[in-house]
Amino acid sequence: MEQQNQDPILMPGPQFDGENNETGWLQKNSQNLIIGVIIILLGIGIFSFYKNYRDRQQIIDSAINSSESPAASEQVAGPGAQADAKNKISIVTPETQKSEAIVNEIPQSPQIINRDEPTIKVSGQAIAVKASKGEGATHLARRALKEYIKDKGLKDALKAEQKIYIEDYLQKNSGSPKSMEIGQEISFSRDLMEEAVQNAQNLSDAQLQNLQKYVPLVPSL
C-alpha cells in the first residue's frame, strides 16, 4: 500500500509578517516624515508672516495717503483759491481789530446807571430818595441826611450818635413803612430834617451814651 504525500494544511492565524513590514517602513522613513512635517509647518508660518506683512503695509499706505490728501487738495485748488484765501485774510484790518477790541471791552452784564432818573432828587422843599435793592426806610433816611448835611455844612458838626437819632426820627415821622420795594420813593421835607437835626443837637449826655451802642452797627456813619 503506497503512502501518498500529503501537503501541510495551513491554518488561518495572525499574520505578523505584514505588521513587521509596516513597522520597518516607518522606522526607515521616520526621518523623512519629520522633515516633511517641519517643511510644511515652516511653509505655513512663512505664508502667515507674509500675509500679515502685506496687511500692515496696506494699512500704513492708506494712512500715508490720507495724511497727504490735504496738501494735494491745496495743490488742486489752484491760484484762484489761493487768491480767495488772500482776500479773506486781507479783510482783517486795524480798523476791524479796533472795533473788536471795543466790543470786547463792553461788559457782558452792564450795570444800569439811573442818570435820567436819579435815586436822589433835591428840591427847595424836600429830598426824595428812591429805594434800591435791599434798602429799607432807614437806609433812605440815611442817604437823605447825608445830602442834607452836605448842603448845610454839618458833616463834621454832628456826632455818630446824633446821626443815628436823626435817621430814626426821619424814618418814624415820614409815614413810610420800614420795608421798601425797589424803586419806591420817600420824600423827606426839609422842615422835618431841620427839626430832627435840632433835636439831635439838644440830646443830653445820657441820651448820647445810650445811642453809642448802636454806632458799631452803622460803620458808614
N, C-alpha and C. Protein backbone atom coordinates (compact mmCIF):
# COMPACT_ATOMS: atom_id res chain seq x y z
N MET A 1 0.85 -1.17 0.00
CA MET A 1 0.00 0.00 0.00
C MET A 1 0.89 1.22 0.00
N GLU A 2 0.68 2.03 -0.96
CA GLU A 2 1.55 3.18 -1.14
C GLU A 2 1.07 4.34 -0.28
N GLN A 3 2.10 5.01 0.30
CA GLN A 3 1.80 6.21 1.10
C GLN A 3 1.77 7.42 0.20
N GLN A 4 0.75 8.21 0.28
CA GLN A 4 0.59 9.43 -0.51
C GLN A 4 1.17 10.62 0.27
N ASN A 5 1.91 11.46 -0.49
CA ASN A 5 2.47 12.69 0.13
C ASN A 5 1.34 13.68 0.40
N GLN A 6 1.24 14.04 1.58
CA GLN A 6 0.19 15.00 1.96
C GLN A 6 0.83 16.36 2.24
N ASP A 7 0.26 17.43 1.56
CA ASP A 7 0.75 18.81 1.80
C ASP A 7 0.31 19.28 3.18
N PRO A 8 1.15 20.08 3.79
CA PRO A 8 0.76 20.59 5.13
C PRO A 8 -0.47 21.49 5.02
N ILE A 9 -1.31 21.30 5.92
CA ILE A 9 -2.54 22.10 5.95
C ILE A 9 -2.25 23.40 6.68
N LEU A 10 -2.51 24.51 5.98
CA LEU A 10 -2.27 25.85 6.57
C LEU A 10 -3.52 26.31 7.29
N MET A 11 -3.35 26.63 8.52
CA MET A 11 -4.48 27.10 9.33
C MET A 11 -4.45 28.63 9.38
N PRO A 12 -5.58 29.23 9.27
CA PRO A 12 -5.61 30.72 9.37
C PRO A 12 -5.20 31.17 10.76
N GLY A 13 -4.46 32.27 10.82
CA GLY A 13 -3.99 32.83 12.11
C GLY A 13 -3.41 34.21 11.90
N PRO A 14 -2.91 34.79 12.89
CA PRO A 14 -2.35 36.16 12.79
C PRO A 14 -1.16 36.21 11.88
N GLN A 15 -1.16 37.24 11.04
CA GLN A 15 -0.07 37.43 10.09
C GLN A 15 0.87 38.48 10.65
N PHE A 16 1.96 38.07 11.20
CA PHE A 16 2.94 39.00 11.81
C PHE A 16 3.89 39.58 10.80
N ASP A 17 3.97 38.97 9.66
CA ASP A 17 4.94 39.46 8.68
C ASP A 17 4.53 40.83 8.15
N GLY A 18 3.23 41.06 7.88
CA GLY A 18 2.77 42.37 7.35
C GLY A 18 3.01 43.49 8.34
N GLU A 19 2.72 43.24 9.58
CA GLU A 19 2.94 44.29 10.59
C GLU A 19 4.41 44.59 10.72
N ASN A 20 5.20 43.60 10.66
CA ASN A 20 6.64 43.85 10.75
C ASN A 20 7.11 44.68 9.58
N ASN A 21 6.52 44.44 8.40
CA ASN A 21 6.92 45.23 7.23
C ASN A 21 6.54 46.70 7.40
N GLU A 22 5.30 46.97 7.92
CA GLU A 22 4.88 48.37 8.12
C GLU A 22 5.75 49.05 9.16
N THR A 23 6.04 48.38 10.23
CA THR A 23 6.89 48.98 11.27
C THR A 23 8.27 49.27 10.73
N GLY A 24 8.76 48.39 9.94
CA GLY A 24 10.08 48.63 9.35
C GLY A 24 10.07 49.81 8.41
N TRP A 25 8.98 49.95 7.68
CA TRP A 25 8.91 51.10 6.74
C TRP A 25 8.86 52.42 7.49
N LEU A 26 8.09 52.46 8.58
CA LEU A 26 8.02 53.68 9.39
C LEU A 26 9.37 54.02 9.99
N GLN A 27 10.07 52.98 10.45
CA GLN A 27 11.38 53.23 11.03
C GLN A 27 12.36 53.76 10.00
N LYS A 28 12.28 53.22 8.79
CA LYS A 28 13.20 53.67 7.75
C LYS A 28 12.88 55.09 7.29
N ASN A 29 11.58 55.43 7.24
CA ASN A 29 11.19 56.72 6.67
C ASN A 29 10.76 57.75 7.72
N SER A 30 10.97 57.48 9.00
CA SER A 30 10.55 58.42 10.05
C SER A 30 11.27 59.75 9.92
N GLN A 31 12.54 59.71 9.59
CA GLN A 31 13.30 60.96 9.47
C GLN A 31 12.74 61.81 8.33
N ASN A 32 12.42 61.14 7.21
CA ASN A 32 11.86 61.89 6.08
C ASN A 32 10.49 62.48 6.43
N LEU A 33 9.69 61.72 7.18
CA LEU A 33 8.38 62.23 7.58
C LEU A 33 8.50 63.46 8.48
N ILE A 34 9.42 63.38 9.42
CA ILE A 34 9.62 64.52 10.34
C ILE A 34 10.06 65.75 9.57
N ILE A 35 11.00 65.54 8.63
CA ILE A 35 11.48 66.67 7.83
C ILE A 35 10.34 67.26 7.01
N GLY A 36 9.48 66.38 6.47
CA GLY A 36 8.35 66.87 5.68
C GLY A 36 7.38 67.69 6.51
N VAL A 37 7.11 67.19 7.73
CA VAL A 37 6.21 67.94 8.62
C VAL A 37 6.80 69.30 8.96
N ILE A 38 8.11 69.34 9.22
CA ILE A 38 8.78 70.61 9.55
C ILE A 38 8.68 71.57 8.38
N ILE A 39 8.89 71.04 7.17
CA ILE A 39 8.82 71.91 5.98
C ILE A 39 7.41 72.48 5.81
N ILE A 40 6.40 71.63 6.07
CA ILE A 40 5.01 72.11 5.94
C ILE A 40 4.73 73.21 6.96
N LEU A 41 5.18 72.98 8.20
CA LEU A 41 4.96 73.99 9.24
C LEU A 41 5.69 75.29 8.92
N LEU A 42 6.91 75.18 8.40
CA LEU A 42 7.65 76.38 8.01
C LEU A 42 6.93 77.12 6.90
N GLY A 43 6.39 76.35 5.95
CA GLY A 43 5.66 76.99 4.86
C GLY A 43 4.44 77.74 5.36
N ILE A 44 3.71 77.10 6.29
CA ILE A 44 2.53 77.77 6.86
C ILE A 44 2.94 79.04 7.60
N GLY A 45 4.03 78.96 8.39
CA GLY A 45 4.49 80.13 9.13
C GLY A 45 4.92 81.25 8.21
N ILE A 46 5.66 80.90 7.15
CA ILE A 46 6.11 81.94 6.20
C ILE A 46 4.93 82.58 5.51
N PHE A 47 3.93 81.79 5.15
CA PHE A 47 2.75 82.34 4.49
C PHE A 47 1.99 83.29 5.42
N SER A 48 1.84 82.88 6.68
CA SER A 48 1.14 83.74 7.63
C SER A 48 1.89 85.04 7.85
N PHE A 49 3.22 84.96 7.97
CA PHE A 49 4.02 86.17 8.17
C PHE A 49 3.91 87.10 6.97
N TYR A 50 3.95 86.54 5.79
CA TYR A 50 3.87 87.37 4.58
C TYR A 50 2.50 88.03 4.47
N LYS A 51 1.46 87.26 4.81
CA LYS A 51 0.11 87.82 4.75
C LYS A 51 -0.05 88.97 5.74
N ASN A 52 0.43 88.78 6.98
CA ASN A 52 0.34 89.84 7.98
C ASN A 52 1.15 91.06 7.56
N TYR A 53 2.31 90.79 6.94
CA TYR A 53 3.15 91.91 6.49
C TYR A 53 2.43 92.73 5.42
N ARG A 54 1.76 92.05 4.49
CA ARG A 54 1.03 92.78 3.43
C ARG A 54 -0.12 93.58 4.02
N ASP A 55 -0.83 92.98 5.00
CA ASP A 55 -1.94 93.70 5.63
C ASP A 55 -1.45 94.96 6.33
N ARG A 56 -0.35 94.83 7.07
CA ARG A 56 0.20 96.01 7.75
C ARG A 56 0.66 97.05 6.76
N GLN A 57 1.27 96.61 5.67
CA GLN A 57 1.77 97.56 4.67
C GLN A 57 0.61 98.32 4.02
N GLN A 58 -0.51 97.63 3.77
CA GLN A 58 -1.68 98.31 3.21
C GLN A 58 -2.24 99.35 4.17
N ILE A 59 -2.26 99.02 5.46
CA ILE A 59 -2.75 99.99 6.45
C ILE A 59 -1.85 101.21 6.50
N ILE A 60 -0.53 100.99 6.48
CA ILE A 60 0.42 102.11 6.52
C ILE A 60 0.27 102.97 5.28
N ASP A 61 0.13 102.33 4.11
CA ASP A 61 -0.01 103.10 2.87
C ASP A 61 -1.27 103.95 2.88
N SER A 62 -2.38 103.38 3.37
CA SER A 62 -3.62 104.14 3.40
C SER A 62 -3.52 105.32 4.36
N ALA A 63 -2.80 105.11 5.48
CA ALA A 63 -2.62 106.21 6.43
C ALA A 63 -1.77 107.32 5.84
N ILE A 64 -0.73 106.95 5.10
CA ILE A 64 0.13 107.95 4.47
C ILE A 64 -0.64 108.72 3.41
N ASN A 65 -1.44 108.03 2.63
CA ASN A 65 -2.21 108.70 1.58
C ASN A 65 -3.23 109.68 2.16
N SER A 66 -3.86 109.27 3.29
CA SER A 66 -4.85 110.17 3.90
C SER A 66 -4.19 111.40 4.49
N SER A 67 -2.97 111.26 5.02
CA SER A 67 -2.27 112.43 5.58
C SER A 67 -1.78 113.36 4.50
N GLU A 68 -1.52 112.84 3.31
CA GLU A 68 -1.05 113.69 2.22
C GLU A 68 -2.19 114.32 1.44
N SER A 69 -3.44 113.90 1.67
CA SER A 69 -4.56 114.40 0.89
C SER A 69 -4.81 115.89 1.08
N PRO A 70 -4.66 116.50 2.30
CA PRO A 70 -4.87 117.95 2.40
C PRO A 70 -3.92 118.74 1.54
N ALA A 71 -2.65 118.31 1.49
CA ALA A 71 -1.69 119.03 0.66
C ALA A 71 -2.06 118.92 -0.81
N ALA A 72 -2.53 117.71 -1.18
CA ALA A 72 -2.91 117.52 -2.58
C ALA A 72 -4.11 118.38 -2.93
N SER A 73 -5.05 118.49 -1.98
CA SER A 73 -6.22 119.31 -2.26
C SER A 73 -5.85 120.77 -2.38
N GLU A 74 -4.84 121.20 -1.63
CA GLU A 74 -4.40 122.59 -1.75
C GLU A 74 -3.78 122.84 -3.11
N GLN A 75 -3.03 121.82 -3.61
CA GLN A 75 -2.42 121.98 -4.92
C GLN A 75 -3.49 121.99 -6.01
N VAL A 76 -4.52 121.16 -5.85
CA VAL A 76 -5.56 121.10 -6.86
C VAL A 76 -6.36 122.39 -6.88
N ALA A 77 -6.44 123.06 -5.72
CA ALA A 77 -7.25 124.26 -5.65
C ALA A 77 -6.81 125.31 -6.65
N GLY A 78 -5.50 125.43 -6.84
CA GLY A 78 -5.01 126.33 -7.86
C GLY A 78 -4.89 127.76 -7.40
N PRO A 79 -4.42 128.64 -8.26
CA PRO A 79 -4.19 130.04 -7.89
C PRO A 79 -5.47 130.77 -7.50
N GLY A 80 -6.59 130.41 -8.12
CA GLY A 80 -7.83 131.11 -7.81
C GLY A 80 -8.23 130.96 -6.36
N ALA A 81 -8.13 129.72 -5.85
CA ALA A 81 -8.49 129.50 -4.46
C ALA A 81 -7.52 130.21 -3.53
N GLN A 82 -6.21 130.22 -3.90
CA GLN A 82 -5.24 130.93 -3.08
C GLN A 82 -5.54 132.41 -3.06
N ALA A 83 -5.97 132.94 -4.18
CA ALA A 83 -6.32 134.36 -4.23
C ALA A 83 -7.51 134.66 -3.33
N ASP A 84 -8.50 133.72 -3.33
CA ASP A 84 -9.65 133.92 -2.46
C ASP A 84 -9.23 133.91 -1.00
N ALA A 85 -8.30 132.99 -0.68
CA ALA A 85 -7.83 132.93 0.69
C ALA A 85 -7.13 134.21 1.09
N LYS A 86 -6.33 134.77 0.17
CA LYS A 86 -5.66 136.03 0.47
C LYS A 86 -6.68 137.15 0.68
N ASN A 87 -7.73 137.14 -0.15
CA ASN A 87 -8.75 138.17 0.00
C ASN A 87 -9.44 138.07 1.36
N LYS A 88 -9.68 136.83 1.81
CA LYS A 88 -10.31 136.65 3.11
C LYS A 88 -9.40 137.13 4.23
N ILE A 89 -8.11 136.86 4.10
CA ILE A 89 -7.18 137.28 5.13
C ILE A 89 -7.05 138.80 5.16
N SER A 90 -7.13 139.43 4.01
CA SER A 90 -6.94 140.87 3.95
C SER A 90 -8.11 141.63 4.57
N ILE A 91 -9.22 140.93 4.87
CA ILE A 91 -10.36 141.61 5.48
C ILE A 91 -10.01 142.10 6.88
N VAL A 92 -9.12 141.39 7.59
CA VAL A 92 -8.75 141.78 8.95
C VAL A 92 -7.84 142.99 8.85
N THR A 93 -8.31 144.14 9.23
CA THR A 93 -7.56 145.39 9.16
C THR A 93 -7.45 145.99 10.56
N PRO A 94 -6.60 146.96 10.74
CA PRO A 94 -6.51 147.62 12.06
C PRO A 94 -7.83 148.18 12.54
N GLU A 95 -8.66 148.66 11.57
CA GLU A 95 -9.95 149.22 11.98
C GLU A 95 -10.85 148.15 12.58
N THR A 96 -10.85 146.96 11.92
CA THR A 96 -11.70 145.90 12.45
C THR A 96 -11.17 145.41 13.79
N GLN A 97 -9.84 145.32 13.93
CA GLN A 97 -9.28 144.92 15.21
C GLN A 97 -9.65 145.91 16.30
N LYS A 98 -9.64 147.20 15.96
CA LYS A 98 -10.00 148.22 16.94
C LYS A 98 -11.46 148.08 17.35
N SER A 99 -12.34 147.83 16.35
CA SER A 99 -13.76 147.68 16.68
C SER A 99 -13.99 146.44 17.53
N GLU A 100 -13.26 145.35 17.23
CA GLU A 100 -13.41 144.14 18.04
C GLU A 100 -12.94 144.40 19.46
N ALA A 101 -11.85 145.16 19.62
CA ALA A 101 -11.37 145.47 20.96
C ALA A 101 -12.40 146.27 21.74
N ILE A 102 -13.07 147.20 21.05
CA ILE A 102 -14.10 148.00 21.72
C ILE A 102 -15.26 147.11 22.16
N VAL A 103 -15.64 146.17 21.29
CA VAL A 103 -16.74 145.26 21.63
C VAL A 103 -16.37 144.40 22.82
N ASN A 104 -15.10 143.93 22.85
CA ASN A 104 -14.67 143.09 23.96
C ASN A 104 -14.64 143.85 25.28
N GLU A 105 -14.43 145.16 25.21
CA GLU A 105 -14.38 145.95 26.43
C GLU A 105 -15.77 146.17 27.03
N ILE A 106 -16.82 145.97 26.24
CA ILE A 106 -18.17 146.16 26.76
C ILE A 106 -18.51 145.02 27.71
N PRO A 107 -18.90 145.28 28.95
CA PRO A 107 -19.21 144.20 29.89
C PRO A 107 -20.41 143.40 29.43
N GLN A 108 -20.38 142.10 29.74
CA GLN A 108 -21.47 141.22 29.34
C GLN A 108 -22.77 141.58 30.07
N SER A 109 -22.65 141.95 31.34
CA SER A 109 -23.83 142.32 32.11
C SER A 109 -23.64 143.74 32.63
N PRO A 110 -23.86 144.75 31.80
CA PRO A 110 -23.60 146.12 32.23
C PRO A 110 -24.54 146.54 33.34
N GLN A 111 -23.99 147.32 34.26
CA GLN A 111 -24.80 147.85 35.33
C GLN A 111 -25.64 149.01 34.81
N ILE A 112 -26.86 149.05 35.28
CA ILE A 112 -27.78 150.10 34.86
C ILE A 112 -27.53 151.34 35.72
N ILE A 113 -27.18 152.43 35.09
CA ILE A 113 -26.95 153.68 35.79
C ILE A 113 -28.16 154.58 35.56
N ASN A 114 -28.83 154.90 36.61
CA ASN A 114 -30.04 155.72 36.50
C ASN A 114 -29.66 157.20 36.44
N ARG A 115 -29.15 157.61 35.29
CA ARG A 115 -28.79 159.01 35.15
C ARG A 115 -30.03 159.86 34.83
N ASP A 116 -30.92 159.29 34.01
CA ASP A 116 -32.14 160.02 33.68
C ASP A 116 -33.08 160.10 34.88
N GLU A 117 -33.07 159.05 35.71
CA GLU A 117 -33.92 159.03 36.89
C GLU A 117 -33.04 158.84 38.12
N PRO A 118 -32.48 159.89 38.66
CA PRO A 118 -31.59 159.76 39.82
C PRO A 118 -32.33 159.21 41.03
N THR A 119 -31.59 158.49 41.87
CA THR A 119 -32.20 157.91 43.07
C THR A 119 -32.43 158.97 44.14
N ILE A 120 -31.77 160.11 44.03
CA ILE A 120 -31.98 161.22 44.98
C ILE A 120 -32.37 162.47 44.19
N LYS A 121 -33.47 163.06 44.57
CA LYS A 121 -33.92 164.31 43.97
C LYS A 121 -33.97 165.38 45.06
N VAL A 122 -33.24 166.46 44.83
CA VAL A 122 -33.16 167.53 45.82
C VAL A 122 -33.94 168.74 45.30
N SER A 123 -34.80 169.24 46.13
CA SER A 123 -35.56 170.45 45.80
C SER A 123 -35.50 171.41 46.99
N GLY A 124 -36.12 172.55 46.82
CA GLY A 124 -36.11 173.52 47.91
C GLY A 124 -36.96 173.11 49.09
N GLN A 125 -37.92 172.22 48.89
CA GLN A 125 -38.83 171.83 49.96
C GLN A 125 -38.51 170.45 50.56
N ALA A 126 -37.92 169.56 49.77
CA ALA A 126 -37.73 168.19 50.26
C ALA A 126 -36.55 167.52 49.54
N ILE A 127 -36.18 166.37 50.09
CA ILE A 127 -35.18 165.50 49.48
C ILE A 127 -35.85 164.14 49.29
N ALA A 128 -36.06 163.75 48.03
CA ALA A 128 -36.74 162.49 47.71
C ALA A 128 -35.69 161.43 47.38
N VAL A 129 -35.86 160.25 47.93
CA VAL A 129 -34.89 159.16 47.75
C VAL A 129 -35.64 157.91 47.29
N LYS A 130 -35.10 157.26 46.25
CA LYS A 130 -35.68 156.00 45.76
C LYS A 130 -34.92 154.82 46.34
N ALA A 131 -35.68 153.79 46.67
CA ALA A 131 -35.09 152.59 47.28
C ALA A 131 -34.41 151.73 46.23
N SER A 132 -33.22 151.27 46.56
CA SER A 132 -32.52 150.29 45.74
C SER A 132 -32.70 148.91 46.36
N LYS A 133 -32.09 147.91 45.75
CA LYS A 133 -32.25 146.54 46.23
C LYS A 133 -31.68 146.40 47.64
N GLY A 134 -32.47 145.83 48.54
CA GLY A 134 -32.03 145.56 49.90
C GLY A 134 -32.13 146.75 50.84
N GLU A 135 -32.71 147.85 50.41
CA GLU A 135 -32.80 149.04 51.26
C GLU A 135 -34.18 149.14 51.91
N GLY A 136 -34.16 149.69 53.14
CA GLY A 136 -35.39 149.98 53.85
C GLY A 136 -35.52 151.47 54.08
N ALA A 137 -36.52 151.85 54.88
CA ALA A 137 -36.77 153.27 55.12
C ALA A 137 -35.61 153.92 55.86
N THR A 138 -34.95 153.18 56.77
CA THR A 138 -33.81 153.74 57.50
C THR A 138 -32.65 154.04 56.56
N HIS A 139 -32.42 153.16 55.58
CA HIS A 139 -31.35 153.40 54.60
C HIS A 139 -31.63 154.67 53.80
N LEU A 140 -32.89 154.85 53.40
CA LEU A 140 -33.25 156.04 52.63
C LEU A 140 -33.10 157.30 53.47
N ALA A 141 -33.46 157.22 54.77
CA ALA A 141 -33.29 158.36 55.66
C ALA A 141 -31.81 158.71 55.82
N ARG A 142 -30.96 157.70 55.86
CA ARG A 142 -29.51 157.94 55.98
C ARG A 142 -28.97 158.65 54.75
N ARG A 143 -29.42 158.23 53.58
CA ARG A 143 -28.96 158.87 52.35
C ARG A 143 -29.46 160.31 52.26
N ALA A 144 -30.70 160.53 52.67
CA ALA A 144 -31.24 161.89 52.66
C ALA A 144 -30.49 162.79 53.64
N LEU A 145 -30.13 162.23 54.80
CA LEU A 145 -29.39 163.01 55.79
C LEU A 145 -28.02 163.41 55.27
N LYS A 146 -27.34 162.49 54.59
CA LYS A 146 -26.03 162.82 54.03
C LYS A 146 -26.14 163.97 53.04
N GLU A 147 -27.18 163.93 52.23
CA GLU A 147 -27.38 165.01 51.26
C GLU A 147 -27.70 166.34 51.97
N TYR A 148 -28.47 166.26 53.03
CA TYR A 148 -28.89 167.48 53.74
C TYR A 148 -27.71 168.13 54.46
N ILE A 149 -26.94 167.35 55.20
CA ILE A 149 -25.82 167.93 55.96
C ILE A 149 -24.70 168.38 55.04
N LYS A 150 -24.63 167.81 53.84
CA LYS A 150 -23.63 168.27 52.87
C LYS A 150 -23.96 169.69 52.42
N ASP A 151 -25.22 169.96 52.20
CA ASP A 151 -25.63 171.31 51.79
C ASP A 151 -25.50 172.31 52.95
N LYS A 152 -25.75 171.84 54.16
CA LYS A 152 -25.73 172.73 55.32
C LYS A 152 -24.35 172.87 55.96
N GLY A 153 -23.39 172.07 55.51
CA GLY A 153 -22.06 172.12 56.12
C GLY A 153 -22.02 171.54 57.50
N LEU A 154 -22.87 170.55 57.79
CA LEU A 154 -22.94 169.94 59.12
C LEU A 154 -22.28 168.56 59.18
N LYS A 155 -21.50 168.23 58.17
CA LYS A 155 -20.94 166.89 58.11
C LYS A 155 -20.07 166.59 59.32
N ASP A 156 -19.24 167.54 59.71
CA ASP A 156 -18.34 167.32 60.84
C ASP A 156 -18.92 167.84 62.15
N ALA A 157 -20.06 168.51 62.07
CA ALA A 157 -20.65 169.08 63.29
C ALA A 157 -21.48 168.07 64.06
N LEU A 158 -21.95 167.03 63.40
CA LEU A 158 -22.80 166.04 64.04
C LEU A 158 -22.00 164.80 64.42
N LYS A 159 -22.25 164.27 65.60
CA LYS A 159 -21.61 163.03 66.04
C LYS A 159 -22.36 161.83 65.45
N ALA A 160 -21.71 160.68 65.52
CA ALA A 160 -22.34 159.46 65.00
C ALA A 160 -23.63 159.16 65.76
N GLU A 161 -23.63 159.37 67.08
CA GLU A 161 -24.83 159.11 67.88
C GLU A 161 -25.98 160.02 67.45
N GLN A 162 -25.66 161.27 67.14
CA GLN A 162 -26.69 162.21 66.70
C GLN A 162 -27.25 161.82 65.33
N LYS A 163 -26.39 161.33 64.44
CA LYS A 163 -26.85 160.90 63.12
C LYS A 163 -27.79 159.71 63.24
N ILE A 164 -27.47 158.80 64.16
CA ILE A 164 -28.36 157.65 64.36
C ILE A 164 -29.72 158.11 64.85
N TYR A 165 -29.73 159.09 65.75
CA TYR A 165 -31.01 159.63 66.24
C TYR A 165 -31.79 160.27 65.09
N ILE A 166 -31.12 161.03 64.22
CA ILE A 166 -31.81 161.71 63.11
C ILE A 166 -32.40 160.69 62.15
N GLU A 167 -31.65 159.64 61.82
CA GLU A 167 -32.17 158.60 60.91
C GLU A 167 -33.44 157.99 61.48
N ASP A 168 -33.41 157.64 62.75
CA ASP A 168 -34.58 157.02 63.36
C ASP A 168 -35.75 158.00 63.43
N TYR A 169 -35.45 159.25 63.69
CA TYR A 169 -36.51 160.27 63.76
C TYR A 169 -37.17 160.47 62.40
N LEU A 170 -36.36 160.54 61.34
CA LEU A 170 -36.90 160.72 59.99
C LEU A 170 -37.74 159.51 59.57
N GLN A 171 -37.24 158.33 59.90
CA GLN A 171 -37.97 157.12 59.49
C GLN A 171 -39.32 157.02 60.18
N LYS A 172 -39.37 157.39 61.45
CA LYS A 172 -40.61 157.27 62.21
C LYS A 172 -41.61 158.36 61.84
N ASN A 173 -41.14 159.54 61.43
CA ASN A 173 -42.03 160.67 61.19
C ASN A 173 -42.29 160.94 59.71
N SER A 174 -41.75 160.10 58.84
CA SER A 174 -42.00 160.29 57.40
C SER A 174 -43.26 159.57 56.94
N GLY A 175 -43.82 158.72 57.79
CA GLY A 175 -45.03 158.00 57.44
C GLY A 175 -44.81 156.89 56.44
N SER A 176 -43.59 156.39 56.32
CA SER A 176 -43.27 155.33 55.35
C SER A 176 -43.04 154.01 56.08
N PRO A 177 -43.33 152.89 55.43
CA PRO A 177 -43.08 151.59 56.06
C PRO A 177 -41.58 151.30 56.14
N LYS A 178 -41.22 150.42 57.07
CA LYS A 178 -39.80 150.07 57.21
C LYS A 178 -39.30 149.28 56.01
N SER A 179 -40.11 148.36 55.52
CA SER A 179 -39.72 147.55 54.35
C SER A 179 -40.13 148.29 53.08
N MET A 180 -39.21 148.30 52.12
CA MET A 180 -39.45 149.05 50.89
C MET A 180 -39.30 148.12 49.68
N GLU A 181 -39.93 148.51 48.59
CA GLU A 181 -39.76 147.83 47.32
C GLU A 181 -38.81 148.63 46.45
N ILE A 182 -38.16 147.94 45.52
CA ILE A 182 -37.20 148.61 44.64
C ILE A 182 -37.93 149.67 43.82
N GLY A 183 -37.38 150.89 43.84
CA GLY A 183 -37.98 151.99 43.10
C GLY A 183 -38.99 152.80 43.89
N GLN A 184 -39.36 152.29 45.08
CA GLN A 184 -40.30 153.05 45.91
C GLN A 184 -39.60 154.29 46.47
N GLU A 185 -40.31 155.39 46.56
CA GLU A 185 -39.70 156.68 46.90
C GLU A 185 -40.26 157.22 48.21
N ILE A 186 -39.36 157.84 48.99
CA ILE A 186 -39.76 158.56 50.20
C ILE A 186 -39.27 159.99 50.08
N SER A 187 -40.12 160.91 50.36
CA SER A 187 -39.78 162.34 50.31
C SER A 187 -39.68 162.87 51.74
N PHE A 188 -38.49 163.32 52.10
CA PHE A 188 -38.25 163.89 53.43
C PHE A 188 -38.25 165.42 53.30
N SER A 189 -39.19 166.06 53.97
CA SER A 189 -39.27 167.52 53.88
C SER A 189 -38.09 168.15 54.61
N ARG A 190 -37.68 169.31 54.16
CA ARG A 190 -36.56 169.99 54.79
C ARG A 190 -36.92 170.47 56.20
N ASP A 191 -38.19 170.79 56.40
CA ASP A 191 -38.61 171.19 57.75
C ASP A 191 -38.45 170.02 58.73
N LEU A 192 -38.85 168.82 58.27
CA LEU A 192 -38.71 167.65 59.14
C LEU A 192 -37.24 167.36 59.42
N MET A 193 -36.39 167.52 58.43
CA MET A 193 -34.97 167.24 58.62
C MET A 193 -34.33 168.29 59.53
N GLU A 194 -34.73 169.53 59.39
CA GLU A 194 -34.20 170.58 60.28
C GLU A 194 -34.63 170.34 61.72
N GLU A 195 -35.86 169.89 61.88
CA GLU A 195 -36.37 169.57 63.22
C GLU A 195 -35.58 168.42 63.84
N ALA A 196 -35.28 167.40 63.02
CA ALA A 196 -34.53 166.24 63.52
C ALA A 196 -33.11 166.64 63.92
N VAL A 197 -32.48 167.52 63.15
CA VAL A 197 -31.12 167.95 63.47
C VAL A 197 -31.11 168.76 64.77
N GLN A 198 -32.05 169.63 64.94
CA GLN A 198 -32.11 170.44 66.16
C GLN A 198 -32.33 169.56 67.39
N ASN A 199 -33.20 168.58 67.27
CA ASN A 199 -33.43 167.67 68.40
C ASN A 199 -32.17 166.88 68.73
N ALA A 200 -31.44 166.46 67.68
CA ALA A 200 -30.22 165.69 67.91
C ALA A 200 -29.15 166.53 68.60
N GLN A 201 -29.07 167.79 68.25
CA GLN A 201 -28.08 168.66 68.87
C GLN A 201 -28.43 168.99 70.33
N ASN A 202 -29.66 168.79 70.71
CA ASN A 202 -30.10 169.07 72.09
C ASN A 202 -30.13 167.81 72.96
N LEU A 203 -29.62 166.71 72.46
CA LEU A 203 -29.62 165.48 73.26
C LEU A 203 -28.68 165.63 74.46
N SER A 204 -29.07 165.01 75.56
CA SER A 204 -28.25 165.04 76.76
C SER A 204 -27.12 164.02 76.65
N ASP A 205 -26.16 164.14 77.55
CA ASP A 205 -25.04 163.19 77.55
C ASP A 205 -25.52 161.76 77.80
N ALA A 206 -26.51 161.62 78.63
CA ALA A 206 -27.05 160.28 78.92
C ALA A 206 -27.71 159.68 77.69
N GLN A 207 -28.41 160.51 76.95
CA GLN A 207 -29.05 160.02 75.72
C GLN A 207 -28.00 159.65 74.67
N LEU A 208 -26.95 160.46 74.56
CA LEU A 208 -25.87 160.14 73.61
C LEU A 208 -25.16 158.85 74.03
N GLN A 209 -24.98 158.68 75.34
CA GLN A 209 -24.35 157.47 75.84
C GLN A 209 -25.20 156.24 75.52
N ASN A 210 -26.49 156.40 75.59
CA ASN A 210 -27.39 155.29 75.27
C ASN A 210 -27.36 154.93 73.78
N LEU A 211 -27.16 155.94 72.94
CA LEU A 211 -27.11 155.70 71.49
C LEU A 211 -25.75 155.19 71.02
N GLN A 212 -24.74 155.29 71.87
CA GLN A 212 -23.38 154.91 71.47
C GLN A 212 -23.28 153.42 71.13
N LYS A 213 -24.11 152.59 71.75
CA LYS A 213 -24.04 151.15 71.50
C LYS A 213 -24.47 150.78 70.08
N TYR A 214 -25.16 151.69 69.39
CA TYR A 214 -25.60 151.42 68.02
C TYR A 214 -24.58 151.87 66.97
N VAL A 215 -23.59 152.62 67.40
CA VAL A 215 -22.61 153.16 66.44
C VAL A 215 -21.85 152.06 65.71
N PRO A 216 -21.35 150.99 66.38
CA PRO A 216 -20.63 149.94 65.64
C PRO A 216 -21.49 149.23 64.60
N LEU A 217 -22.80 149.31 64.74
CA LEU A 217 -23.69 148.64 63.78
C LEU A 217 -23.82 149.42 62.48
N VAL A 218 -23.41 150.69 62.50
CA VAL A 218 -23.53 151.52 61.30
C VAL A 218 -22.16 152.12 60.99
N PRO A 219 -21.24 151.31 60.43
CA PRO A 219 -19.88 151.82 60.17
C PRO A 219 -19.83 152.90 59.11
N SER A 220 -20.87 153.01 58.27
CA SER A 220 -20.85 154.02 57.20
C SER A 220 -21.00 155.44 57.73
N LEU A 221 -21.37 155.58 58.99
CA LEU A 221 -21.51 156.92 59.57
C LEU A 221 -20.14 157.56 59.76
